[in-house]
Amino acid sequence: MIPEITVLISGRGSNMQSIHQACLHGTLKAAVTHVVSNTIDAAGLDYAKQHDIHTSVVPHQEFEKRSDFDTELIRTIQQHGNPDLILLAGFMRRLTPIFTTKFDGRLINIHPSLLPKYPGLDTHARALKSGDKWHGCSVHFVNEALDGGPLIARGIVPVLETDTESSLAARVLKAEHQLFPQIAQLVLHGGLACLDSHIKLNDTTLSSPLVYYYN
């Protein structure tokens, strides 16, 4: 039976689209069966509907407590099944242990920096301001910490002398679109897992994150 993926978004969902396209082309042997947004006007919902993917919206503004939002998010996801993997693709909400422990080991995020550098927002501007020679994106298992959790892989791009925030962001996003499906495939079919906060690949504990270089 083909593994099922639920994707959480807050906006355009370009990483969700790259995951879905990888499924269609067979490089990711899975199916995106549910897209959930915390914003009603997320552009990614339109893409999902156009491709006959079930969509749900759980507006975070309707909940006074983060824990109440997370409880409803769990209910919404489980109402549509029991996904093998939940991917955070530009999902702009910090999750509580209520959610992260429920889906421990199958909850993965992609973040536009080389973690642990630059958690949070404005990562490209911060990299340029710091004069970094390398920038990129990271994929990690999710816990309650901001952009925390065991780090799986980094996608690295060079910072060019001519880079602006927008040009650097575009190259990092291109790297994200390649890295995220690769890691999802490894988790679902390649023997990659998180056990006791350690990343294991075919029962071998990785001493450092996987590294991929992009232009």
Protein backbone atom coordinates (compact mmCIF):
# COMPACT_ATOMS: atom_id res chain seq x y z
CA MET A 1 0.00 0.00 0.00
CA ILE A 2 1.40 3.38 -0.99
CA PRO A 3 2.38 5.65 1.94
CA GLU A 4 0.19 8.67 2.56
CA ILE A 5 1.51 12.17 3.26
CA THR A 6 -0.26 15.07 4.95
CA VAL A 7 1.27 18.48 4.28
CA LEU A 8 0.79 21.51 6.55
CA ILE A 9 1.03 24.95 4.92
CA SER A 10 0.38 28.59 5.69
CA GLY A 11 0.87 30.26 2.30
CA ARG A 12 1.68 29.43 -1.31
CA GLY A 13 2.82 25.91 -0.50
CA SER A 14 5.61 25.69 -3.07
CA ASN A 15 7.32 22.91 -1.11
CA MET A 16 4.00 21.08 -0.93
CA GLN A 17 3.82 21.35 -4.71
CA SER A 18 7.36 19.98 -5.11
CA ILE A 19 6.46 17.05 -2.85
CA HIS A 20 3.31 16.37 -4.87
CA GLN A 21 5.17 16.62 -8.19
CA ALA A 22 7.82 14.20 -6.92
CA CYS A 23 5.02 11.76 -6.09
CA LEU A 24 3.54 12.15 -9.56
CA HIS A 25 6.91 11.54 -11.21
CA GLY A 26 7.71 8.54 -9.01
CA THR A 27 10.86 9.91 -7.38
CA LEU A 28 8.92 9.97 -4.11
CA LYS A 29 6.95 6.76 -3.81
CA ALA A 30 4.01 8.13 -1.86
CA ALA A 31 0.83 10.16 -2.30
CA VAL A 32 -0.11 13.55 -0.89
CA THR A 33 -3.61 12.85 0.38
CA HIS A 34 -4.33 15.83 2.62
CA VAL A 35 -3.23 19.48 2.73
CA VAL A 36 -4.04 21.45 5.88
CA SER A 37 -3.64 25.20 6.31
CA ASN A 38 -3.91 27.46 9.34
CA THR A 39 -4.95 30.34 7.03
CA ILE A 40 -8.10 30.34 4.95
CA ASP A 41 -6.55 32.26 2.05
CA ALA A 42 -3.39 30.18 1.62
CA ALA A 43 -2.65 30.01 -2.11
CA GLY A 44 -1.46 26.42 -1.76
CA LEU A 45 -5.03 25.32 -1.08
CA ASP A 46 -5.97 26.25 -4.65
CA TYR A 47 -3.19 24.05 -6.04
CA ALA A 48 -4.32 21.14 -3.87
CA LYS A 49 -7.94 21.49 -4.94
CA GLN A 50 -6.93 21.66 -8.61
CA HIS A 51 -5.13 18.33 -8.16
CA ASP A 52 -7.97 16.65 -6.26
CA ILE A 53 -6.12 16.59 -2.94
CA HIS A 54 -8.34 16.80 0.12
CA THR A 55 -7.95 20.17 1.91
CA SER A 56 -8.77 21.43 5.38
CA VAL A 57 -8.42 24.77 7.15
CA VAL A 58 -7.91 25.16 10.89
CA PRO A 59 -7.71 28.94 11.49
CA HIS A 60 -5.35 29.51 14.41
CA GLN A 61 -7.00 32.85 15.22
CA GLU A 62 -10.04 30.99 16.51
CA PHE A 63 -8.10 29.44 19.41
CA GLU A 64 -6.93 31.28 22.51
CA LYS A 65 -4.39 28.60 23.41
CA ARG A 66 -1.84 26.96 21.15
CA SER A 67 -2.66 23.64 22.77
CA ASP A 68 -6.32 23.98 21.75
CA PHE A 69 -5.29 24.72 18.18
CA ASP A 70 -2.98 21.70 18.16
CA THR A 71 -5.72 19.45 19.51
CA GLU A 72 -8.05 20.53 16.70
CA LEU A 73 -5.25 20.10 14.17
CA ILE A 74 -4.75 16.52 15.34
CA ARG A 75 -8.48 15.85 15.08
CA THR A 76 -8.59 17.30 11.56
CA ILE A 77 -5.66 15.21 10.37
CA GLN A 78 -6.98 11.98 11.88
CA GLN A 79 -10.45 12.62 10.54
CA HIS A 80 -8.97 12.05 7.09
CA GLY A 81 -6.82 9.05 7.98
CA ASN A 82 -3.54 8.14 9.64
CA PRO A 83 -0.71 9.57 7.51
CA ASP A 84 2.64 7.84 7.31
CA LEU A 85 4.39 11.21 7.19
CA ILE A 86 3.42 14.78 8.07
CA LEU A 87 5.46 17.47 6.35
CA LEU A 88 5.62 21.09 7.47
CA ALA A 89 6.02 23.09 4.26
CA GLY A 90 6.06 26.75 5.18
CA PHE A 91 3.76 26.13 8.13
CA MET A 92 4.11 29.25 10.26
CA ARG A 93 2.98 27.94 13.62
CA ARG A 94 5.05 26.71 16.51
CA LEU A 95 3.66 23.36 17.64
CA THR A 96 3.25 22.22 21.25
CA PRO A 97 4.20 18.82 22.69
CA ILE A 98 0.53 17.80 22.37
CA PHE A 99 1.08 17.68 18.61
CA THR A 100 4.75 16.79 18.32
CA THR A 101 4.55 13.76 20.64
CA LYS A 102 1.42 12.51 18.88
CA PHE A 103 3.28 12.27 15.57
CA ASP A 104 6.78 11.68 16.90
CA GLY A 105 9.05 10.17 14.28
CA ARG A 106 6.86 11.08 11.33
CA LEU A 107 6.77 14.87 11.62
CA ILE A 108 9.34 16.72 9.49
CA ASN A 109 10.00 20.38 8.73
CA ILE A 110 12.08 22.24 6.16
CA HIS A 111 13.63 25.55 7.21
CA PRO A 112 15.46 28.12 5.04
CA SER A 113 18.78 28.25 6.86
CA LEU A 114 21.65 25.98 7.83
CA LEU A 115 20.39 25.11 11.28
CA PRO A 116 21.25 25.69 14.05
CA LYS A 117 22.01 29.05 12.41
CA TYR A 118 19.10 31.43 12.06
CA PRO A 119 15.99 29.78 13.46
CA GLY A 120 12.85 31.82 12.96
CA LEU A 121 12.27 34.49 10.32
CA ASP A 122 14.35 36.67 7.95
CA THR A 123 16.98 34.00 7.48
CA HIS A 124 18.33 35.26 4.14
CA ALA A 125 18.77 38.83 5.35
CA ARG A 126 20.53 37.56 8.46
CA ALA A 127 22.91 35.40 6.40
CA LEU A 128 23.79 38.35 4.16
CA LYS A 129 24.25 40.71 7.11
CA SER A 130 26.62 38.21 8.75
CA GLY A 131 28.71 37.92 5.58
CA ASP A 132 28.18 34.17 5.33
CA LYS A 133 29.86 32.38 2.42
CA TRP A 134 27.36 29.52 2.55
CA HIS A 135 23.63 29.45 3.17
CA GLY A 136 20.87 26.98 2.46
CA CYS A 137 18.09 24.94 4.00
CA SER A 138 17.68 22.22 6.61
CA VAL A 139 15.31 19.30 7.11
CA HIS A 140 14.70 18.09 10.64
CA PHE A 141 12.36 16.05 12.76
CA VAL A 142 10.09 18.36 14.73
CA ASN A 143 9.85 18.89 18.46
CA GLU A 144 8.39 21.75 20.47
CA ALA A 145 11.51 23.94 20.11
CA LEU A 146 11.52 26.68 17.48
CA ASP A 147 13.01 25.06 14.37
CA GLY A 148 14.45 22.46 16.72
CA GLY A 149 14.45 18.70 16.68
CA PRO A 150 17.03 16.23 15.36
CA LEU A 151 18.65 17.52 12.19
CA ILE A 152 18.48 15.18 9.20
CA ALA A 153 20.08 17.05 6.31
CA ARG A 154 21.33 20.38 5.03
CA GLY A 155 21.08 21.66 1.48
CA ILE A 156 23.95 24.10 0.93
CA VAL A 157 24.18 26.90 -1.63
CA PRO A 158 26.99 29.44 -2.05
CA VAL A 159 26.37 33.07 -1.21
CA LEU A 160 27.44 35.13 -4.21
CA GLU A 161 28.97 38.59 -4.01
CA THR A 162 26.11 39.87 -6.15
CA ASP A 163 23.39 38.28 -4.05
CA THR A 164 20.45 40.25 -2.77
CA GLU A 165 17.98 38.90 -0.27
CA SER A 166 15.58 37.98 -3.09
CA SER A 167 18.19 36.29 -5.31
CA LEU A 168 19.56 34.26 -2.40
CA ALA A 169 16.03 33.32 -1.31
CA ALA A 170 15.24 32.07 -4.82
CA ARG A 171 18.27 29.76 -4.92
CA VAL A 172 17.60 28.44 -1.44
CA LEU A 173 13.98 27.74 -2.37
CA LYS A 174 15.15 25.80 -5.43
CA ALA A 175 17.35 23.73 -3.12
CA GLU A 176 14.40 23.16 -0.77
CA HIS A 177 12.34 21.80 -3.65
CA GLN A 178 15.03 19.19 -4.33
CA LEU A 179 16.00 18.32 -0.76
CA PHE A 180 12.57 17.87 0.82
CA PRO A 181 11.34 15.08 -1.52
CA GLN A 182 14.71 13.32 -1.24
CA ILE A 183 14.51 13.19 2.53
CA ALA A 184 10.83 12.17 2.50
CA GLN A 185 11.78 9.25 0.24
CA LEU A 186 14.57 8.23 2.63
CA VAL A 187 12.22 8.30 5.61
CA LEU A 188 9.49 6.32 3.88
CA HIS A 189 11.62 3.85 1.92
CA GLY A 190 15.32 4.33 2.64
CA GLY A 191 15.70 3.24 6.23
CA LEU A 192 16.07 6.72 7.76
CA ALA A 193 14.44 7.21 11.15
CA CYS A 194 14.70 9.10 14.42
CA LEU A 195 15.25 6.93 17.50
CA ASP A 196 15.96 8.41 20.93
CA SER A 197 16.71 11.79 19.31
CA HIS A 198 19.35 10.21 17.07
CA ILE A 199 19.14 9.99 13.28
CA LYS A 200 19.63 6.44 12.05
CA LEU A 201 20.10 5.29 8.46
CA ASN A 202 19.64 1.55 8.06
CA ASP A 203 20.30 1.09 11.80
CA THR A 204 23.53 3.11 11.66
CA THR A 205 23.57 6.26 13.80
CA LEU A 206 24.66 9.27 11.78
CA SER A 207 27.39 11.31 13.43
CA SER A 208 26.40 14.41 11.47
CA PRO A 209 23.54 15.49 9.18
CA LEU A 210 23.48 14.47 5.53
CA VAL A 211 24.82 17.21 3.27
CA TYR A 212 23.74 18.10 -0.26
CA TYR A 213 25.30 20.88 -2.35
CA TYR A 214 23.32 22.94 -4.86
CA ASN A 215 24.21 25.86 -7.14
